[in-house]
Amino acid sequence: MISIVDENDLHLKDEFTALYFYSLWMPENKHMNNMISKIELINKIKFIAINVDNHKNICVRFNIKNIPSILMFNFNKEIDRIIGVPLTSGFKKRISDIVTKHKLENGD
């Protein structure tokens, strides 16, 4: 997972990129980081971590109202949002389903 320093670090042009909005004070932060690390390896998705306390302008840009929030992008287009802390197995399946659906739609 990549942690951004500023908005110029947001590169959403890859096949699958996810923005993970979090805060260090969030009790679920460690759990989410562990889930994301596993999912990155399995699904080859680039996750970009955005601390909402340090990047309020990015939160406004993407209309973030709740944390944690994960926004999924496919070639610079938002394709899904996951709000809140999902169960590990449900999170893995949802990410896998999103990737599979968009690969099928693109003929991969």
PDB file of N, CA and C in Angstrom:
ATOM      1  N   MET A   1       0.847  -1.170   0.000  1.00  0.00           N
ATOM      2  CA  MET A   1       0.000   0.000   0.000  1.00  0.00           C
ATOM      3  C   MET A   1       0.893   1.235   0.000  1.00  0.00           C
ATOM      4  N   ILE A   2       0.517   2.196  -0.790  1.00  0.00           N
ATOM      5  CA  ILE A   2       1.258   3.446  -0.915  1.00  0.00           C
ATOM      6  C   ILE A   2       0.553   4.507  -0.082  1.00  0.00           C
ATOM      7  N   SER A   3       1.288   5.242   0.728  1.00  0.00           N
ATOM      8  CA  SER A   3       0.722   6.383   1.452  1.00  0.00           C
ATOM      9  C   SER A   3       1.074   7.641   0.682  1.00  0.00           C
ATOM     10  N   ILE A   4       0.086   8.492   0.460  1.00  0.00           N
ATOM     11  CA  ILE A   4       0.356   9.689  -0.326  1.00  0.00           C
ATOM     12  C   ILE A   4       0.882  10.823   0.542  1.00  0.00           C
ATOM     13  N   VAL A   5       1.658  11.674  -0.093  1.00  0.00           N
ATOM     14  CA  VAL A   5       2.172  12.868   0.562  1.00  0.00           C
ATOM     15  C   VAL A   5       1.315  14.062   0.148  1.00  0.00           C
ATOM     16  N   ASP A   6       0.990  14.144  -1.143  1.00  0.00           N
ATOM     17  CA  ASP A   6       0.096  15.208  -1.598  1.00  0.00           C
ATOM     18  C   ASP A   6      -0.742  14.709  -2.773  1.00  0.00           C
ATOM     19  N   GLU A   7      -1.637  15.540  -3.227  1.00  0.00           N
ATOM     20  CA  GLU A   7      -2.598  15.147  -4.257  1.00  0.00           C
ATOM     21  C   GLU A   7      -1.930  14.734  -5.568  1.00  0.00           C
ATOM     22  N   ASN A   8      -0.736  15.200  -5.816  1.00  0.00           N
ATOM     23  CA  ASN A   8      -0.010  14.813  -7.037  1.00  0.00           C
ATOM     24  C   ASN A   8       0.382  13.338  -7.038  1.00  0.00           C
ATOM     25  N   ASP A   9       0.305  12.685  -5.870  1.00  0.00           N
ATOM     26  CA  ASP A   9       0.625  11.265  -5.780  1.00  0.00           C
ATOM     27  C   ASP A   9      -0.527  10.371  -6.226  1.00  0.00           C
ATOM     28  N   LEU A  10      -1.675  10.955  -6.509  1.00  0.00           N
ATOM     29  CA  LEU A  10      -2.833  10.167  -6.933  1.00  0.00           C
ATOM     30  C   LEU A  10      -2.713   9.829  -8.412  1.00  0.00           C
ATOM     31  N   HIS A  11      -2.448   8.582  -8.696  1.00  0.00           N
ATOM     32  CA  HIS A  11      -2.355   8.105 -10.068  1.00  0.00           C
ATOM     33  C   HIS A  11      -3.411   7.017 -10.241  1.00  0.00           C
ATOM     34  N   LEU A  12      -4.485   7.348 -10.932  1.00  0.00           N
ATOM     35  CA  LEU A  12      -5.620   6.443 -11.053  1.00  0.00           C
ATOM     36  C   LEU A  12      -5.750   5.855 -12.451  1.00  0.00           C
ATOM     37  N   LYS A  13      -4.714   5.944 -13.249  1.00  0.00           N
ATOM     38  CA  LYS A  13      -4.803   5.509 -14.638  1.00  0.00           C
ATOM     39  C   LYS A  13      -4.493   4.024 -14.828  1.00  0.00           C
ATOM     40  N   ASP A  14      -4.119   3.337 -13.757  1.00  0.00           N
ATOM     41  CA  ASP A  14      -3.847   1.906 -13.863  1.00  0.00           C
ATOM     42  C   ASP A  14      -5.155   1.129 -14.018  1.00  0.00           C
ATOM     43  N   GLU A  15      -5.005  -0.164 -14.339  1.00  0.00           N
ATOM     44  CA  GLU A  15      -6.201  -0.974 -14.535  1.00  0.00           C
ATOM     45  C   GLU A  15      -7.066  -0.993 -13.277  1.00  0.00           C
ATOM     46  N   PHE A  16      -6.473  -1.274 -12.120  1.00  0.00           N
ATOM     47  CA  PHE A  16      -7.232  -1.270 -10.866  1.00  0.00           C
ATOM     48  C   PHE A  16      -6.438  -0.551  -9.789  1.00  0.00           C
ATOM     49  N   THR A  17      -7.046   0.506  -9.264  1.00  0.00           N
ATOM     50  CA  THR A  17      -6.462   1.277  -8.174  1.00  0.00           C
ATOM     51  C   THR A  17      -7.567   1.507  -7.153  1.00  0.00           C
ATOM     52  N   ALA A  18      -7.197   1.446  -5.884  1.00  0.00           N
ATOM     53  CA  ALA A  18      -8.167   1.702  -4.818  1.00  0.00           C
ATOM     54  C   ALA A  18      -7.626   2.796  -3.905  1.00  0.00           C
ATOM     55  N   LEU A  19      -8.478   3.748  -3.584  1.00  0.00           N
ATOM     56  CA  LEU A  19      -8.126   4.774  -2.609  1.00  0.00           C
ATOM     57  C   LEU A  19      -8.719   4.349  -1.272  1.00  0.00           C
ATOM     58  N   TYR A  20      -7.865   4.241  -0.273  1.00  0.00           N
ATOM     59  CA  TYR A  20      -8.293   3.836   1.065  1.00  0.00           C
ATOM     60  C   TYR A  20      -8.225   5.051   1.976  1.00  0.00           C
ATOM     61  N   PHE A  21      -9.382   5.563   2.381  1.00  0.00           N
ATOM     62  CA  PHE A  21      -9.470   6.723   3.261  1.00  0.00           C
ATOM     63  C   PHE A  21      -9.572   6.229   4.701  1.00  0.00           C
ATOM     64  N   TYR A  22      -8.676   6.707   5.554  1.00  0.00           N
ATOM     65  CA  TYR A  22      -8.597   6.218   6.931  1.00  0.00           C
ATOM     66  C   TYR A  22      -8.140   7.348   7.850  1.00  0.00           C
ATOM     67  N   SER A  23      -8.125   7.039   9.135  1.00  0.00           N
ATOM     68  CA  SER A  23      -7.534   7.932  10.129  1.00  0.00           C
ATOM     69  C   SER A  23      -6.777   7.071  11.131  1.00  0.00           C
ATOM     70  N   LEU A  24      -5.680   7.585  11.650  1.00  0.00           N
ATOM     71  CA  LEU A  24      -4.879   6.823  12.607  1.00  0.00           C
ATOM     72  C   LEU A  24      -5.632   6.545  13.895  1.00  0.00           C
ATOM     73  N   TRP A  25      -6.583   7.397  14.267  1.00  0.00           N
ATOM     74  CA  TRP A  25      -7.332   7.184  15.498  1.00  0.00           C
ATOM     75  C   TRP A  25      -8.405   6.103  15.352  1.00  0.00           C
ATOM     76  N   MET A  26      -8.638   5.639  14.148  1.00  0.00           N
ATOM     77  CA  MET A  26      -9.655   4.636  13.868  1.00  0.00           C
ATOM     78  C   MET A  26      -9.229   3.283  14.445  1.00  0.00           C
ATOM     79  N   PRO A  27     -10.017   2.686  15.344  1.00  0.00           N
ATOM     80  CA  PRO A  27      -9.612   1.417  15.959  1.00  0.00           C
ATOM     81  C   PRO A  27      -9.439   0.280  14.948  1.00  0.00           C
ATOM     82  N   GLU A  28     -10.138   0.334  13.834  1.00  0.00           N
ATOM     83  CA  GLU A  28     -10.080  -0.739  12.832  1.00  0.00           C
ATOM     84  C   GLU A  28      -8.904  -0.600  11.874  1.00  0.00           C
ATOM     85  N   ASN A  29      -8.090   0.427  12.039  1.00  0.00           N
ATOM     86  CA  ASN A  29      -7.029   0.730  11.084  1.00  0.00           C
ATOM     87  C   ASN A  29      -6.084  -0.453  10.862  1.00  0.00           C
ATOM     88  N   LYS A  30      -5.610  -1.077  11.926  1.00  0.00           N
ATOM     89  CA  LYS A  30      -4.674  -2.201  11.794  1.00  0.00           C
ATOM     90  C   LYS A  30      -5.335  -3.371  11.067  1.00  0.00           C
ATOM     91  N   HIS A  31      -6.582  -3.669  11.412  1.00  0.00           N
ATOM     92  CA  HIS A  31      -7.326  -4.746  10.760  1.00  0.00           C
ATOM     93  C   HIS A  31      -7.475  -4.470   9.256  1.00  0.00           C
ATOM     94  N   MET A  32      -7.848  -3.242   8.912  1.00  0.00           N
ATOM     95  CA  MET A  32      -8.009  -2.882   7.507  1.00  0.00           C
ATOM     96  C   MET A  32      -6.681  -2.991   6.754  1.00  0.00           C
ATOM     97  N   ASN A  33      -5.595  -2.533   7.357  1.00  0.00           N
ATOM     98  CA  ASN A  33      -4.277  -2.623   6.720  1.00  0.00           C
ATOM     99  C   ASN A  33      -3.904  -4.075   6.432  1.00  0.00           C
ATOM    100  N   ASN A  34      -4.182  -4.964   7.371  1.00  0.00           N
ATOM    101  CA  ASN A  34      -3.881  -6.383   7.165  1.00  0.00           C
ATOM    102  C   ASN A  34      -4.713  -6.965   6.018  1.00  0.00           C
ATOM    103  N   MET A  35      -6.008  -6.641   5.990  1.00  0.00           N
ATOM    104  CA  MET A  35      -6.862  -7.135   4.905  1.00  0.00           C
ATOM    105  C   MET A  35      -6.396  -6.611   3.558  1.00  0.00           C
ATOM    106  N   ILE A  36      -6.087  -5.339   3.500  1.00  0.00           N
ATOM    107  CA  ILE A  36      -5.662  -4.720   2.238  1.00  0.00           C
ATOM    108  C   ILE A  36      -4.362  -5.336   1.746  1.00  0.00           C
ATOM    109  N   SER A  37      -3.421  -5.596   2.644  1.00  0.00           N
ATOM    110  CA  SER A  37      -2.142  -6.198   2.243  1.00  0.00           C
ATOM    111  C   SER A  37      -2.361  -7.545   1.562  1.00  0.00           C
ATOM    112  N   LYS A  38      -3.250  -8.348   2.108  1.00  0.00           N
ATOM    113  CA  LYS A  38      -3.536  -9.663   1.518  1.00  0.00           C
ATOM    114  C   LYS A  38      -4.233  -9.524   0.168  1.00  0.00           C
ATOM    115  N   ILE A  39      -5.180  -8.607   0.093  1.00  0.00           N
ATOM    116  CA  ILE A  39      -5.949  -8.429  -1.143  1.00  0.00           C
ATOM    117  C   ILE A  39      -5.084  -7.863  -2.266  1.00  0.00           C
ATOM    118  N   GLU A  40      -4.150  -6.985  -1.926  1.00  0.00           N
ATOM    119  CA  GLU A  40      -3.234  -6.438  -2.940  1.00  0.00           C
ATOM    120  C   GLU A  40      -2.480  -7.553  -3.647  1.00  0.00           C
ATOM    121  N   LEU A  41      -2.008  -8.512  -2.889  1.00  0.00           N
ATOM    122  CA  LEU A  41      -1.231  -9.617  -3.465  1.00  0.00           C
ATOM    123  C   LEU A  41      -2.092 -10.517  -4.343  1.00  0.00           C
ATOM    124  N   ILE A  42      -3.292 -10.831  -3.879  1.00  0.00           N
ATOM    125  CA  ILE A  42      -4.162 -11.762  -4.595  1.00  0.00           C
ATOM    126  C   ILE A  42      -4.699 -11.155  -5.887  1.00  0.00           C
ATOM    127  N   ASN A  43      -5.206  -9.928  -5.818  1.00  0.00           N
ATOM    128  CA  ASN A  43      -5.904  -9.314  -6.951  1.00  0.00           C
ATOM    129  C   ASN A  43      -5.081  -8.308  -7.744  1.00  0.00           C
ATOM    130  N   LYS A  44      -3.846  -8.091  -7.336  1.00  0.00           N
ATOM    131  CA  LYS A  44      -2.959  -7.156  -8.035  1.00  0.00           C
ATOM    132  C   LYS A  44      -3.591  -5.770  -8.198  1.00  0.00           C
ATOM    133  N   ILE A  45      -4.142  -5.282  -7.098  1.00  0.00           N
ATOM    134  CA  ILE A  45      -4.734  -3.951  -7.059  1.00  0.00           C
ATOM    135  C   ILE A  45      -3.775  -3.038  -6.312  1.00  0.00           C
ATOM    136  N   LYS A  46      -3.562  -1.854  -6.851  1.00  0.00           N
ATOM    137  CA  LYS A  46      -2.731  -0.873  -6.164  1.00  0.00           C
ATOM    138  C   LYS A  46      -3.618  -0.085  -5.208  1.00  0.00           C
ATOM    139  N   PHE A  47      -3.305  -0.152  -3.914  1.00  0.00           N
ATOM    140  CA  PHE A  47      -4.042   0.618  -2.909  1.00  0.00           C
ATOM    141  C   PHE A  47      -3.230   1.850  -2.545  1.00  0.00           C
ATOM    142  N   ILE A  48      -3.926   2.980  -2.486  1.00  0.00           N
ATOM    143  CA  ILE A  48      -3.307   4.238  -2.064  1.00  0.00           C
ATOM    144  C   ILE A  48      -3.999   4.679  -0.784  1.00  0.00           C
ATOM    145  N   ALA A  49      -3.227   4.785   0.292  1.00  0.00           N
ATOM    146  CA  ALA A  49      -3.763   5.169   1.595  1.00  0.00           C
ATOM    147  C   ALA A  49      -3.783   6.684   1.729  1.00  0.00           C
ATOM    148  N   ILE A  50      -4.929   7.199   2.179  1.00  0.00           N
ATOM    149  CA  ILE A  50      -5.100   8.640   2.334  1.00  0.00           C
ATOM    150  C   ILE A  50      -5.597   8.917   3.749  1.00  0.00           C
ATOM    151  N   ASN A  51      -4.759   9.561   4.540  1.00  0.00           N
ATOM    152  CA  ASN A  51      -5.130   9.928   5.898  1.00  0.00           C
ATOM    153  C   ASN A  51      -6.051  11.142   5.820  1.00  0.00           C
ATOM    154  N   VAL A  52      -7.293  10.978   6.256  1.00  0.00           N
ATOM    155  CA  VAL A  52      -8.283  12.047   6.113  1.00  0.00           C
ATOM    156  C   VAL A  52      -7.934  13.277   6.949  1.00  0.00           C
ATOM    157  N   ASP A  53      -7.189  13.077   8.025  1.00  0.00           N
ATOM    158  CA  ASP A  53      -6.813  14.212   8.872  1.00  0.00           C
ATOM    159  C   ASP A  53      -5.771  15.106   8.206  1.00  0.00           C
ATOM    160  N   ASN A  54      -5.000  14.542   7.296  1.00  0.00           N
ATOM    161  CA  ASN A  54      -3.939  15.299   6.615  1.00  0.00           C
ATOM    162  C   ASN A  54      -4.323  15.761   5.210  1.00  0.00           C
ATOM    163  N   HIS A  55      -5.388  15.198   4.651  1.00  0.00           N
ATOM    164  CA  HIS A  55      -5.729  15.465   3.248  1.00  0.00           C
ATOM    165  C   HIS A  55      -7.214  15.775   3.081  1.00  0.00           C
ATOM    166  N   LYS A  56      -7.652  16.800   3.749  1.00  0.00           N
ATOM    167  CA  LYS A  56      -9.072  17.184   3.694  1.00  0.00           C
ATOM    168  C   LYS A  56      -9.505  17.580   2.281  1.00  0.00           C
ATOM    169  N   ASN A  57      -8.598  18.185   1.519  1.00  0.00           N
ATOM    170  CA  ASN A  57      -8.934  18.588   0.145  1.00  0.00           C
ATOM    171  C   ASN A  57      -9.237  17.377  -0.740  1.00  0.00           C
ATOM    172  N   ILE A  58      -8.521  16.291  -0.533  1.00  0.00           N
ATOM    173  CA  ILE A  58      -8.778  15.070  -1.310  1.00  0.00           C
ATOM    174  C   ILE A  58     -10.112  14.460  -0.885  1.00  0.00           C
ATOM    175  N   CYS A  59     -10.428  14.537   0.407  1.00  0.00           N
ATOM    176  CA  CYS A  59     -11.720  14.030   0.899  1.00  0.00           C
ATOM    177  C   CYS A  59     -12.873  14.792   0.260  1.00  0.00           C
ATOM    178  N   VAL A  60     -12.723  16.090   0.130  1.00  0.00           N
ATOM    179  CA  VAL A  60     -13.756  16.901  -0.511  1.00  0.00           C
ATOM    180  C   VAL A  60     -13.860  16.523  -1.985  1.00  0.00           C
ATOM    181  N   ARG A  61     -12.734  16.399  -2.649  1.00  0.00           N
ATOM    182  CA  ARG A  61     -12.717  16.054  -4.079  1.00  0.00           C
ATOM    183  C   ARG A  61     -13.478  14.762  -4.370  1.00  0.00           C
ATOM    184  N   PHE A  62     -13.338  13.766  -3.475  1.00  0.00           N
ATOM    185  CA  PHE A  62     -13.969  12.467  -3.691  1.00  0.00           C
ATOM    186  C   PHE A  62     -15.238  12.271  -2.851  1.00  0.00           C
ATOM    187  N   ASN A  63     -15.719  13.349  -2.234  1.00  0.00           N
ATOM    188  CA  ASN A  63     -16.966  13.321  -1.473  1.00  0.00           C
ATOM    189  C   ASN A  63     -16.967  12.223  -0.397  1.00  0.00           C
ATOM    190  N   ILE A  64     -15.922  12.213   0.420  1.00  0.00           N
ATOM    191  CA  ILE A  64     -15.800  11.222   1.490  1.00  0.00           C
ATOM    192  C   ILE A  64     -16.541  11.732   2.716  1.00  0.00           C
ATOM    193  N   LYS A  65     -17.519  10.958   3.153  1.00  0.00           N
ATOM    194  CA  LYS A  65     -18.335  11.318   4.317  1.00  0.00           C
ATOM    195  C   LYS A  65     -18.063  10.391   5.505  1.00  0.00           C
ATOM    196  N   ASN A  66     -17.639   9.159   5.241  1.00  0.00           N
ATOM    197  CA  ASN A  66     -17.414   8.162   6.289  1.00  0.00           C
ATOM    198  C   ASN A  66     -16.037   7.533   6.126  1.00  0.00           C
ATOM    199  N   ILE A  67     -15.476   7.112   7.258  1.00  0.00           N
ATOM    200  CA  ILE A  67     -14.232   6.348   7.191  1.00  0.00           C
ATOM    201  C   ILE A  67     -14.402   5.089   8.024  1.00  0.00           C
ATOM    202  N   PRO A  68     -13.786   4.027   7.607  1.00  0.00           N
ATOM    203  CA  PRO A  68     -13.002   3.914   6.388  1.00  0.00           C
ATOM    204  C   PRO A  68     -13.887   3.890   5.144  1.00  0.00           C
ATOM    205  N   SER A  69     -13.334   4.350   4.062  1.00  0.00           N
ATOM    206  CA  SER A  69     -13.968   4.267   2.747  1.00  0.00           C
ATOM    207  C   SER A  69     -12.914   3.817   1.751  1.00  0.00           C
ATOM    208  N   ILE A  70     -13.330   2.951   0.841  1.00  0.00           N
ATOM    209  CA  ILE A  70     -12.442   2.495  -0.222  1.00  0.00           C
ATOM    210  C   ILE A  70     -13.141   2.773  -1.542  1.00  0.00           C
ATOM    211  N   LEU A  71     -12.484   3.538  -2.397  1.00  0.00           N
ATOM    212  CA  LEU A  71     -13.006   3.841  -3.724  1.00  0.00           C
ATOM    213  C   LEU A  71     -12.197   3.049  -4.738  1.00  0.00           C
ATOM    214  N   MET A  72     -12.875   2.275  -5.564  1.00  0.00           N
ATOM    215  CA  MET A  72     -12.219   1.459  -6.583  1.00  0.00           C
ATOM    216  C   MET A  72     -12.281   2.175  -7.926  1.00  0.00           C
ATOM    217  N   PHE A  73     -11.139   2.189  -8.618  1.00  0.00           N
ATOM    218  CA  PHE A  73     -11.037   2.822  -9.928  1.00  0.00           C
ATOM    219  C   PHE A  73     -10.528   1.820 -10.952  1.00  0.00           C
ATOM    220  N   ASN A  74     -11.033   1.954 -12.166  1.00  0.00           N
ATOM    221  CA  ASN A  74     -10.585   1.169 -13.306  1.00  0.00           C
ATOM    222  C   ASN A  74     -10.257   2.172 -14.405  1.00  0.00           C
ATOM    223  N   PHE A  75      -8.972   2.316 -14.698  1.00  0.00           N
ATOM    224  CA  PHE A  75      -8.522   3.271 -15.707  1.00  0.00           C
ATOM    225  C   PHE A  75      -9.139   4.659 -15.496  1.00  0.00           C
ATOM    226  N   ASN A  76      -8.965   5.188 -14.281  1.00  0.00           N
ATOM    227  CA  ASN A  76      -9.353   6.558 -13.933  1.00  0.00           C
ATOM    228  C   ASN A  76     -10.862   6.761 -13.750  1.00  0.00           C
ATOM    229  N   LYS A  77     -11.657   5.698 -13.800  1.00  0.00           N
ATOM    230  CA  LYS A  77     -13.098   5.802 -13.623  1.00  0.00           C
ATOM    231  C   LYS A  77     -13.491   5.084 -12.333  1.00  0.00           C
ATOM    232  N   GLU A  78     -14.226   5.805 -11.467  1.00  0.00           N
ATOM    233  CA  GLU A  78     -14.685   5.164 -10.232  1.00  0.00           C
ATOM    234  C   GLU A  78     -15.708   4.091 -10.575  1.00  0.00           C
ATOM    235  N   ILE A  79     -15.481   2.871 -10.048  1.00  0.00           N
ATOM    236  CA  ILE A  79     -16.373   1.757 -10.359  1.00  0.00           C
ATOM    237  C   ILE A  79     -17.111   1.221  -9.134  1.00  0.00           C
ATOM    238  N   ASP A  80     -16.652   1.555  -7.927  1.00  0.00           N
ATOM    239  CA  ASP A  80     -17.342   1.064  -6.735  1.00  0.00           C
ATOM    240  C   ASP A  80     -16.825   1.789  -5.502  1.00  0.00           C
ATOM    241  N   ARG A  81     -17.641   1.743  -4.423  1.00  0.00           N
ATOM    242  CA  ARG A  81     -17.270   2.295  -3.117  1.00  0.00           C
ATOM    243  C   ARG A  81     -17.609   1.274  -2.055  1.00  0.00           C
ATOM    244  N   ILE A  82     -16.693   1.114  -1.139  1.00  0.00           N
ATOM    245  CA  ILE A  82     -16.923   0.261   0.024  1.00  0.00           C
ATOM    246  C   ILE A  82     -16.816   1.168   1.236  1.00  0.00           C
ATOM    247  N   ILE A  83     -17.912   1.279   1.975  1.00  0.00           N
ATOM    248  CA  ILE A  83     -17.977   2.180   3.118  1.00  0.00           C
ATOM    249  C   ILE A  83     -18.036   1.347   4.398  1.00  0.00           C
ATOM    250  N   GLY A  84     -17.226   1.720   5.382  1.00  0.00           N
ATOM    251  CA  GLY A  84     -17.231   1.015   6.657  1.00  0.00           C
ATOM    252  C   GLY A  84     -16.253  -0.147   6.664  1.00  0.00           C
ATOM    253  N   VAL A  85     -16.249  -0.875   7.762  1.00  0.00           N
ATOM    254  CA  VAL A  85     -15.321  -1.995   7.934  1.00  0.00           C
ATOM    255  C   VAL A  85     -16.029  -3.287   7.535  1.00  0.00           C
ATOM    256  N   PRO A  86     -15.644  -3.862   6.421  1.00  0.00           N
ATOM    257  CA  PRO A  86     -16.277  -5.106   5.993  1.00  0.00           C
ATOM    258  C   PRO A  86     -15.658  -6.311   6.703  1.00  0.00           C
ATOM    259  N   LEU A  87     -16.408  -7.405   6.743  1.00  0.00           N
ATOM    260  CA  LEU A  87     -15.844  -8.656   7.237  1.00  0.00           C
ATOM    261  C   LEU A  87     -14.775  -9.119   6.254  1.00  0.00           C
ATOM    262  N   THR A  88     -13.758  -9.767   6.749  1.00  0.00           N
ATOM    263  CA  THR A  88     -12.617 -10.155   5.904  1.00  0.00           C
ATOM    264  C   THR A  88     -13.052 -10.963   4.684  1.00  0.00           C
ATOM    265  N   SER A  89     -13.831 -12.016   4.884  1.00  0.00           N
ATOM    266  CA  SER A  89     -14.212 -12.874   3.757  1.00  0.00           C
ATOM    267  C   SER A  89     -15.097 -12.113   2.769  1.00  0.00           C
ATOM    268  N   GLY A  90     -16.012 -11.293   3.261  1.00  0.00           N
ATOM    269  CA  GLY A  90     -16.874 -10.514   2.383  1.00  0.00           C
ATOM    270  C   GLY A  90     -16.097  -9.478   1.596  1.00  0.00           C
ATOM    271  N   PHE A  91     -15.092  -8.890   2.220  1.00  0.00           N
ATOM    272  CA  PHE A  91     -14.256  -7.886   1.571  1.00  0.00           C
ATOM    273  C   PHE A  91     -13.461  -8.515   0.429  1.00  0.00           C
ATOM    274  N   LYS A  92     -12.845  -9.661   0.707  1.00  0.00           N
ATOM    275  CA  LYS A  92     -12.083 -10.362  -0.333  1.00  0.00           C
ATOM    276  C   LYS A  92     -12.967 -10.708  -1.520  1.00  0.00           C
ATOM    277  N   LYS A  93     -14.161 -11.230  -1.228  1.00  0.00           N
ATOM    278  CA  LYS A  93     -15.070 -11.621  -2.302  1.00  0.00           C
ATOM    279  C   LYS A  93     -15.536 -10.403  -3.097  1.00  0.00           C
ATOM    280  N   ARG A  94     -15.876  -9.339  -2.411  1.00  0.00           N
ATOM    281  CA  ARG A  94     -16.358  -8.138  -3.114  1.00  0.00           C
ATOM    282  C   ARG A  94     -15.287  -7.577  -4.039  1.00  0.00           C
ATOM    283  N   ILE A  95     -14.056  -7.484  -3.564  1.00  0.00           N
ATOM    284  CA  ILE A  95     -12.958  -6.984  -4.404  1.00  0.00           C
ATOM    285  C   ILE A  95     -12.764  -7.908  -5.598  1.00  0.00           C
ATOM    286  N   SER A  96     -12.758  -9.198  -5.351  1.00  0.00           N
ATOM    287  CA  SER A  96     -12.592 -10.170  -6.433  1.00  0.00           C
ATOM    288  C   SER A  96     -13.719 -10.047  -7.453  1.00  0.00           C
ATOM    289  N   ASP A  97     -14.954  -9.889  -6.979  1.00  0.00           N
ATOM    290  CA  ASP A  97     -16.099  -9.738  -7.885  1.00  0.00           C
ATOM    291  C   ASP A  97     -15.986  -8.464  -8.728  1.00  0.00           C
ATOM    292  N   ILE A  98     -15.541  -7.374  -8.112  1.00  0.00           N
ATOM    293  CA  ILE A  98     -15.378  -6.110  -8.836  1.00  0.00           C
ATOM    294  C   ILE A  98     -14.351  -6.279  -9.951  1.00  0.00           C
ATOM    295  N   VAL A  99     -13.214  -6.865  -9.618  1.00  0.00           N
ATOM    296  CA  VAL A  99     -12.142  -7.064 -10.604  1.00  0.00           C
ATOM    297  C   VAL A  99     -12.623  -7.974 -11.731  1.00  0.00           C
ATOM    298  N   THR A 100     -13.246  -9.093 -11.373  1.00  0.00           N
ATOM    299  CA  THR A 100     -13.730 -10.046 -12.374  1.00  0.00           C
ATOM    300  C   THR A 100     -14.749  -9.392 -13.301  1.00  0.00           C
ATOM    301  N   LYS A 101     -15.710  -8.673 -12.740  1.00  0.00           N
ATOM    302  CA  LYS A 101     -16.747  -8.014 -13.535  1.00  0.00           C
ATOM    303  C   LYS A 101     -16.142  -7.051 -14.551  1.00  0.00           C
ATOM    304  N   HIS A 102     -15.207  -6.253 -14.118  1.00  0.00           N
ATOM    305  CA  HIS A 102     -14.645  -5.233 -15.016  1.00  0.00           C
ATOM    306  C   HIS A 102     -13.678  -5.838 -16.032  1.00  0.00           C
ATOM    307  N   LYS A 103     -13.056  -6.934 -15.693  1.00  0.00           N
ATOM    308  CA  LYS A 103     -12.216  -7.603 -16.684  1.00  0.00           C
ATOM    309  C   LYS A 103     -13.089  -8.226 -17.768  1.00  0.00           C
ATOM    310  N   LEU A 104     -14.213  -8.816 -17.356  1.00  0.00           N
ATOM    311  CA  LEU A 104     -15.132  -9.389 -18.340  1.00  0.00           C
ATOM    312  C   LEU A 104     -15.721  -8.313 -19.251  1.00  0.00           C
ATOM    313  N   GLU A 105     -16.098  -7.180 -18.672  1.00  0.00           N
ATOM    314  CA  GLU A 105     -16.652  -6.087 -19.463  1.00  0.00           C
ATOM    315  C   GLU A 105     -15.649  -5.533 -20.466  1.00  0.00           C
ATOM    316  N   ASN A 106     -14.363  -5.617 -20.116  1.00  0.00           N
ATOM    317  CA  ASN A 106     -13.325  -5.089 -20.999  1.00  0.00           C
ATOM    318  C   ASN A 106     -12.739  -6.168 -21.903  1.00  0.00           C
ATOM    319  N   GLY A 107     -13.276  -7.383 -21.846  1.00  0.00           N
ATOM    320  CA  GLY A 107     -12.842  -8.451 -22.726  1.00  0.00           C
ATOM    321  C   GLY A 107     -11.527  -9.094 -22.352  1.00  0.00           C
ATOM    322  N   ASP A 108     -11.106  -8.951 -21.095  1.00  0.00           N
ATOM    323  CA  ASP A 108      -9.839  -9.564 -20.652  1.00  0.00           C
ATOM    324  C   ASP A 108     -10.039 -11.017 -20.300  1.00  0.00           C
TER     325      ASP A 108
END
